[in-house]
Amino acid sequence: FDLFLDINFKKIKFKEIFNTNSILFELIK
């Protein structure tokens, strides 16, 4: 298993990047 993903946002909300309740953080936890 190997994944490469390149994501480009025109705009992104700062709080969403570091939201500890996001799906990404839940997956990490």
ModelCIF file with pLDDT and N, C-alpha, C, O atoms, coordinates in Angstrom:
data_MODEL
#
_entry.id   MODEL 
#
_entity.id                         1 
_entity.type                       polymer 
_entity.pdbx_number_of_molecules   1 
#
_entity_poly.entity_id                      1 
_entity_poly.type                           'polypeptide(L)' 
_entity_poly.nstd_linkage                   no 
_entity_poly.nstd_monomer                   no 
_entity_poly.pdbx_seq_one_letter_code       FDLFLDINFKKIKFKEIFNTNSILFELIK 
_entity_poly.pdbx_seq_one_letter_code_can   FDLFLDINFKKIKFKEIFNTNSILFELIK 
_entity_poly.pdbx_strand_id                 A 
#
loop_
_entity_poly_seq.entity_id 
_entity_poly_seq.num 
_entity_poly_seq.mon_id 
_entity_poly_seq.hetero 
1 1  PHE n 
1 2  ASP n 
1 3  LEU n 
1 4  PHE n 
1 5  LEU n 
1 6  ASP n 
1 7  ILE n 
1 8  ASN n 
1 9  PHE n 
1 10 LYS n 
1 11 LYS n 
1 12 ILE n 
1 13 LYS n 
1 14 PHE n 
1 15 LYS n 
1 16 GLU n 
1 17 ILE n 
1 18 PHE n 
1 19 ASN n 
1 20 THR n 
1 21 ASN n 
1 22 SER n 
1 23 ILE n 
1 24 LEU n 
1 25 PHE n 
1 26 GLU n 
1 27 LEU n 
1 28 ILE n 
1 29 LYS n 
#
_struct_asym.id          A 
_struct_asym.entity_id   1 
#
loop_
_ma_qa_metric.id 
_ma_qa_metric.mode 
_ma_qa_metric.name 
_ma_qa_metric.software_group_id 
_ma_qa_metric.type 
1 global pLDDT . pLDDT 
2 local  pLDDT . pLDDT 
#
_ma_qa_metric_global.metric_id      1 
_ma_qa_metric_global.metric_value   82.52 
_ma_qa_metric_global.model_id       1 
_ma_qa_metric_global.ordinal_id     1 
#
loop_
_ma_qa_metric_local.label_asym_id 
_ma_qa_metric_local.label_comp_id 
_ma_qa_metric_local.label_seq_id 
_ma_qa_metric_local.metric_id 
_ma_qa_metric_local.metric_value 
_ma_qa_metric_local.model_id 
_ma_qa_metric_local.ordinal_id 
A PHE 1  2 83.00 1 1  
A ASP 2  2 89.00 1 2  
A LEU 3  2 91.00 1 3  
A PHE 4  2 94.00 1 4  
A LEU 5  2 93.00 1 5  
A ASP 6  2 95.00 1 6  
A ILE 7  2 92.00 1 7  
A ASN 8  2 93.00 1 8  
A PHE 9  2 90.00 1 9  
A LYS 10 2 90.00 1 10 
A LYS 11 2 89.00 1 11 
A ILE 12 2 88.00 1 12 
A LYS 13 2 86.00 1 13 
A PHE 14 2 80.00 1 14 
A LYS 15 2 80.00 1 15 
A GLU 16 2 78.00 1 16 
A ILE 17 2 75.00 1 17 
A PHE 18 2 72.00 1 18 
A ASN 19 2 75.00 1 19 
A THR 20 2 73.00 1 20 
A ASN 21 2 75.00 1 21 
A SER 22 2 74.00 1 22 
A ILE 23 2 75.00 1 23 
A LEU 24 2 74.00 1 24 
A PHE 25 2 76.00 1 25 
A GLU 26 2 79.00 1 26 
A LEU 27 2 78.00 1 27 
A ILE 28 2 79.00 1 28 
A LYS 29 2 77.00 1 29 
#
loop_
_atom_site.group_PDB 
_atom_site.id 
_atom_site.type_symbol 
_atom_site.label_atom_id 
_atom_site.label_alt_id 
_atom_site.label_comp_id 
_atom_site.label_asym_id 
_atom_site.label_entity_id 
_atom_site.label_seq_id 
_atom_site.pdbx_PDB_ins_code 
_atom_site.Cartn_x 
_atom_site.Cartn_y 
_atom_site.Cartn_z 
_atom_site.occupancy 
_atom_site.B_iso_or_equiv 
_atom_site.pdbx_formal_charge 
_atom_site.auth_seq_id 
_atom_site.auth_comp_id 
_atom_site.auth_asym_id 
_atom_site.auth_atom_id 
_atom_site.pdbx_PDB_model_num 
ATOM 1   N N  . PHE A 1 1  ? 0.836   -1.192 0.000  1.00 83.00 ? 1  PHE A N  1 
ATOM 2   C CA . PHE A 1 1  ? 0.000   0.000  0.000  1.00 83.00 ? 1  PHE A CA 1 
ATOM 3   C C  . PHE A 1 1  ? 0.875   1.247  0.000  1.00 83.00 ? 1  PHE A C  1 
ATOM 4   O O  . PHE A 1 1  ? 1.742   1.419  0.857  1.00 83.00 ? 1  PHE A O  1 
ATOM 5   N N  . ASP A 1 2  ? 0.627   2.113  -0.981 1.00 89.00 ? 2  ASP A N  1 
ATOM 6   C CA . ASP A 1 2  ? 1.372   3.360  -1.106 1.00 89.00 ? 2  ASP A CA 1 
ATOM 7   C C  . ASP A 1 2  ? 0.430   4.393  -1.721 1.00 89.00 ? 2  ASP A C  1 
ATOM 8   O O  . ASP A 1 2  ? -0.231  4.120  -2.722 1.00 89.00 ? 2  ASP A O  1 
ATOM 9   N N  . LEU A 1 3  ? 0.372   5.568  -1.122 1.00 91.00 ? 3  LEU A N  1 
ATOM 10  C CA . LEU A 1 3  ? -0.534  6.617  -1.578 1.00 91.00 ? 3  LEU A CA 1 
ATOM 11  C C  . LEU A 1 3  ? 0.249   7.899  -1.795 1.00 91.00 ? 3  LEU A C  1 
ATOM 12  O O  . LEU A 1 3  ? 1.057   8.295  -0.956 1.00 91.00 ? 3  LEU A O  1 
ATOM 13  N N  . PHE A 1 4  ? 0.005   8.538  -2.917 1.00 94.00 ? 4  PHE A N  1 
ATOM 14  C CA . PHE A 1 4  ? 0.499   9.892  -3.171 1.00 94.00 ? 4  PHE A CA 1 
ATOM 15  C C  . PHE A 1 4  ? -0.718  10.740 -3.502 1.00 94.00 ? 4  PHE A C  1 
ATOM 16  O O  . PHE A 1 4  ? -1.517  10.384 -4.368 1.00 94.00 ? 4  PHE A O  1 
ATOM 17  N N  . LEU A 1 5  ? -0.855  11.869 -2.806 1.00 93.00 ? 5  LEU A N  1 
ATOM 18  C CA . LEU A 1 5  ? -1.994  12.747 -3.033 1.00 93.00 ? 5  LEU A CA 1 
ATOM 19  C C  . LEU A 1 5  ? -1.521  14.190 -2.962 1.00 93.00 ? 5  LEU A C  1 
ATOM 20  O O  . LEU A 1 5  ? -0.877  14.596 -1.995 1.00 93.00 ? 5  LEU A O  1 
ATOM 21  N N  . ASP A 1 6  ? -1.842  14.950 -3.978 1.00 95.00 ? 6  ASP A N  1 
ATOM 22  C CA . ASP A 1 6  ? -1.487  16.367 -4.052 1.00 95.00 ? 6  ASP A CA 1 
ATOM 23  C C  . ASP A 1 6  ? -2.794  17.147 -4.118 1.00 95.00 ? 6  ASP A C  1 
ATOM 24  O O  . ASP A 1 6  ? -3.536  17.031 -5.094 1.00 95.00 ? 6  ASP A O  1 
ATOM 25  N N  . ILE A 1 7  ? -3.084  17.950 -3.077 1.00 92.00 ? 7  ILE A N  1 
ATOM 26  C CA . ILE A 1 7  ? -4.343  18.682 -2.969 1.00 92.00 ? 7  ILE A CA 1 
ATOM 27  C C  . ILE A 1 7  ? -4.038  20.174 -2.963 1.00 92.00 ? 7  ILE A C  1 
ATOM 28  O O  . ILE A 1 7  ? -3.210  20.640 -2.181 1.00 92.00 ? 7  ILE A O  1 
ATOM 29  N N  . ASN A 1 8  ? -4.711  20.922 -3.838 1.00 93.00 ? 8  ASN A N  1 
ATOM 30  C CA . ASN A 1 8  ? -4.520  22.373 -3.912 1.00 93.00 ? 8  ASN A CA 1 
ATOM 31  C C  . ASN A 1 8  ? -5.847  23.070 -3.652 1.00 93.00 ? 8  ASN A C  1 
ATOM 32  O O  . ASN A 1 8  ? -6.834  22.841 -4.351 1.00 93.00 ? 8  ASN A O  1 
ATOM 33  N N  . PHE A 1 9  ? -5.854  23.921 -2.640 1.00 90.00 ? 9  PHE A N  1 
ATOM 34  C CA . PHE A 1 9  ? -7.013  24.734 -2.303 1.00 90.00 ? 9  PHE A CA 1 
ATOM 35  C C  . PHE A 1 9  ? -6.760  26.158 -2.777 1.00 90.00 ? 9  PHE A C  1 
ATOM 36  O O  . PHE A 1 9  ? -5.650  26.673 -2.635 1.00 90.00 ? 9  PHE A O  1 
ATOM 37  N N  . LYS A 1 10 ? -7.762  26.786 -3.330 1.00 90.00 ? 10 LYS A N  1 
ATOM 38  C CA . LYS A 1 10 ? -7.632  28.213 -3.607 1.00 90.00 ? 10 LYS A CA 1 
ATOM 39  C C  . LYS A 1 10 ? -7.649  28.957 -2.279 1.00 90.00 ? 10 LYS A C  1 
ATOM 40  O O  . LYS A 1 10 ? -6.872  29.887 -2.064 1.00 90.00 ? 10 LYS A O  1 
ATOM 41  N N  . LYS A 1 11 ? -8.553  28.531 -1.385 1.00 89.00 ? 11 LYS A N  1 
ATOM 42  C CA . LYS A 1 11 ? -8.674  29.100 -0.036 1.00 89.00 ? 11 LYS A CA 1 
ATOM 43  C C  . LYS A 1 11 ? -8.939  27.962 0.922  1.00 89.00 ? 11 LYS A C  1 
ATOM 44  O O  . LYS A 1 11 ? -9.593  26.981 0.570  1.00 89.00 ? 11 LYS A O  1 
ATOM 45  N N  . ILE A 1 12 ? -8.425  28.096 2.148  1.00 88.00 ? 12 ILE A N  1 
ATOM 46  C CA . ILE A 1 12 ? -8.670  27.086 3.164  1.00 88.00 ? 12 ILE A CA 1 
ATOM 47  C C  . ILE A 1 12 ? -8.869  27.787 4.505  1.00 88.00 ? 12 ILE A C  1 
ATOM 48  O O  . ILE A 1 12 ? -8.228  28.802 4.778  1.00 88.00 ? 12 ILE A O  1 
ATOM 49  N N  . LYS A 1 13 ? -9.743  27.257 5.327  1.00 86.00 ? 13 LYS A N  1 
ATOM 50  C CA . LYS A 1 13 ? -9.998  27.831 6.643  1.00 86.00 ? 13 LYS A CA 1 
ATOM 51  C C  . LYS A 1 13 ? -8.975  27.288 7.635  1.00 86.00 ? 13 LYS A C  1 
ATOM 52  O O  . LYS A 1 13 ? -8.774  26.077 7.735  1.00 86.00 ? 13 LYS A O  1 
ATOM 53  N N  . PHE A 1 14 ? -8.335  28.187 8.362  1.00 80.00 ? 14 PHE A N  1 
ATOM 54  C CA . PHE A 1 14 ? -7.272  27.823 9.301  1.00 80.00 ? 14 PHE A CA 1 
ATOM 55  C C  . PHE A 1 14 ? -7.774  26.834 10.356 1.00 80.00 ? 14 PHE A C  1 
ATOM 56  O O  . PHE A 1 14 ? -7.086  25.866 10.681 1.00 80.00 ? 14 PHE A O  1 
ATOM 57  N N  . LYS A 1 15 ? -8.972  27.079 10.888 1.00 80.00 ? 15 LYS A N  1 
ATOM 58  C CA . LYS A 1 15 ? -9.509  26.210 11.936 1.00 80.00 ? 15 LYS A CA 1 
ATOM 59  C C  . LYS A 1 15 ? -9.733  24.790 11.437 1.00 80.00 ? 15 LYS A C  1 
ATOM 60  O O  . LYS A 1 15 ? -9.619  23.842 12.214 1.00 80.00 ? 15 LYS A O  1 
ATOM 61  N N  . GLU A 1 16 ? -10.047 24.627 10.161 1.00 78.00 ? 16 GLU A N  1 
ATOM 62  C CA . GLU A 1 16 ? -10.283 23.293 9.616  1.00 78.00 ? 16 GLU A CA 1 
ATOM 63  C C  . GLU A 1 16 ? -8.990  22.501 9.477  1.00 78.00 ? 16 GLU A C  1 
ATOM 64  O O  . GLU A 1 16 ? -9.005  21.273 9.565  1.00 78.00 ? 16 GLU A O  1 
ATOM 65  N N  . ILE A 1 17 ? -7.875  23.186 9.262  1.00 75.00 ? 17 ILE A N  1 
ATOM 66  C CA . ILE A 1 17 ? -6.592  22.503 9.119  1.00 75.00 ? 17 ILE A CA 1 
ATOM 67  C C  . ILE A 1 17 ? -6.207  21.815 10.413 1.00 75.00 ? 17 ILE A C  1 
ATOM 68  O O  . ILE A 1 17 ? -5.768  20.665 10.411 1.00 75.00 ? 17 ILE A O  1 
ATOM 69  N N  . PHE A 1 18 ? -6.374  22.522 11.514 1.00 72.00 ? 18 PHE A N  1 
ATOM 70  C CA . PHE A 1 18 ? -5.906  22.024 12.802 1.00 72.00 ? 18 PHE A CA 1 
ATOM 71  C C  . PHE A 1 18 ? -7.045  21.642 13.737 1.00 72.00 ? 18 PHE A C  1 
ATOM 72  O O  . PHE A 1 18 ? -6.874  21.654 14.956 1.00 72.00 ? 18 PHE A O  1 
ATOM 73  N N  . ASN A 1 19 ? -8.202  21.304 13.181 1.00 75.00 ? 19 ASN A N  1 
ATOM 74  C CA . ASN A 1 19 ? -9.347  20.870 13.976 1.00 75.00 ? 19 ASN A CA 1 
ATOM 75  C C  . ASN A 1 19 ? -9.091  19.457 14.498 1.00 75.00 ? 19 ASN A C  1 
ATOM 76  O O  . ASN A 1 19 ? -9.042  18.503 13.722 1.00 75.00 ? 19 ASN A O  1 
ATOM 77  N N  . THR A 1 20 ? -8.929  19.330 15.804 1.00 73.00 ? 20 THR A N  1 
ATOM 78  C CA . THR A 1 20 ? -8.599  18.029 16.400 1.00 73.00 ? 20 THR A CA 1 
ATOM 79  C C  . THR A 1 20 ? -9.785  17.070 16.410 1.00 73.00 ? 20 THR A C  1 
ATOM 80  O O  . THR A 1 20 ? -9.642  15.917 16.817 1.00 73.00 ? 20 THR A O  1 
ATOM 81  N N  . ASN A 1 21 ? -10.942 17.527 15.971 1.00 75.00 ? 21 ASN A N  1 
ATOM 82  C CA . ASN A 1 21 ? -12.102 16.642 15.859 1.00 75.00 ? 21 ASN A CA 1 
ATOM 83  C C  . ASN A 1 21 ? -12.375 16.239 14.412 1.00 75.00 ? 21 ASN A C  1 
ATOM 84  O O  . ASN A 1 21 ? -13.398 15.618 14.124 1.00 75.00 ? 21 ASN A O  1 
ATOM 85  N N  . SER A 1 22 ? -11.469 16.588 13.502 1.00 74.00 ? 22 SER A N  1 
ATOM 86  C CA . SER A 1 22 ? -11.652 16.257 12.089 1.00 74.00 ? 22 SER A CA 1 
ATOM 87  C C  . SER A 1 22 ? -11.451 14.758 11.857 1.00 74.00 ? 22 SER A C  1 
ATOM 88  O O  . SER A 1 22 ? -10.931 14.045 12.716 1.00 74.00 ? 22 SER A O  1 
ATOM 89  N N  . ILE A 1 23 ? -11.866 14.305 10.699 1.00 75.00 ? 23 ILE A N  1 
ATOM 90  C CA . ILE A 1 23 ? -11.713 12.886 10.344 1.00 75.00 ? 23 ILE A CA 1 
ATOM 91  C C  . ILE A 1 23 ? -10.242 12.489 10.358 1.00 75.00 ? 23 ILE A C  1 
ATOM 92  O O  . ILE A 1 23 ? -9.895  11.404 10.825 1.00 75.00 ? 23 ILE A O  1 
ATOM 93  N N  . LEU A 1 24 ? -9.369  13.369 9.845  1.00 74.00 ? 24 LEU A N  1 
ATOM 94  C CA . LEU A 1 24 ? -7.934  13.071 9.820  1.00 74.00 ? 24 LEU A CA 1 
ATOM 95  C C  . LEU A 1 24 ? -7.391  12.868 11.231 1.00 74.00 ? 24 LEU A C  1 
ATOM 96  O O  . LEU A 1 24 ? -6.685  11.892 11.484 1.00 74.00 ? 24 LEU A O  1 
ATOM 97  N N  . PHE A 1 25 ? -7.710  13.775 12.150 1.00 76.00 ? 25 PHE A N  1 
ATOM 98  C CA . PHE A 1 25 ? -7.217  13.630 13.515 1.00 76.00 ? 25 PHE A CA 1 
ATOM 99  C C  . PHE A 1 25 ? -7.813  12.401 14.198 1.00 76.00 ? 25 PHE A C  1 
ATOM 100 O O  . PHE A 1 25 ? -7.123  11.724 14.960 1.00 76.00 ? 25 PHE A O  1 
ATOM 101 N N  . GLU A 1 26 ? -9.082  12.108 13.935 1.00 79.00 ? 26 GLU A N  1 
ATOM 102 C CA . GLU A 1 26 ? -9.685  10.906 14.520 1.00 79.00 ? 26 GLU A CA 1 
ATOM 103 C C  . GLU A 1 26 ? -8.986  9.647  14.002 1.00 79.00 ? 26 GLU A C  1 
ATOM 104 O O  . GLU A 1 26 ? -8.777  8.695  14.754 1.00 79.00 ? 26 GLU A O  1 
ATOM 105 N N  . LEU A 1 27 ? -8.628  9.645  12.723 1.00 78.00 ? 27 LEU A N  1 
ATOM 106 C CA . LEU A 1 27 ? -7.889  8.526  12.143 1.00 78.00 ? 27 LEU A CA 1 
ATOM 107 C C  . LEU A 1 27 ? -6.507  8.404  12.781 1.00 78.00 ? 27 LEU A C  1 
ATOM 108 O O  . LEU A 1 27 ? -6.048  7.298  13.067 1.00 78.00 ? 27 LEU A O  1 
ATOM 109 N N  . ILE A 1 28 ? -5.843  9.542  13.003 1.00 79.00 ? 28 ILE A N  1 
ATOM 110 C CA . ILE A 1 28 ? -4.532  9.523  13.659 1.00 79.00 ? 28 ILE A CA 1 
ATOM 111 C C  . ILE A 1 28 ? -4.663  9.012  15.083 1.00 79.00 ? 28 ILE A C  1 
ATOM 112 O O  . ILE A 1 28 ? -3.875  8.172  15.516 1.00 79.00 ? 28 ILE A O  1 
ATOM 113 N N  . LYS A 1 29 ? -5.667  9.520  15.827 1.00 77.00 ? 29 LYS A N  1 
ATOM 114 C CA . LYS A 1 29 ? -5.879  9.106  17.217 1.00 77.00 ? 29 LYS A CA 1 
ATOM 115 C C  . LYS A 1 29 ? -6.176  7.615  17.326 1.00 77.00 ? 29 LYS A C  1 
ATOM 116 O O  . LYS A 1 29 ? -6.379  7.105  18.427 1.00 77.00 ? 29 LYS A O  1 
#
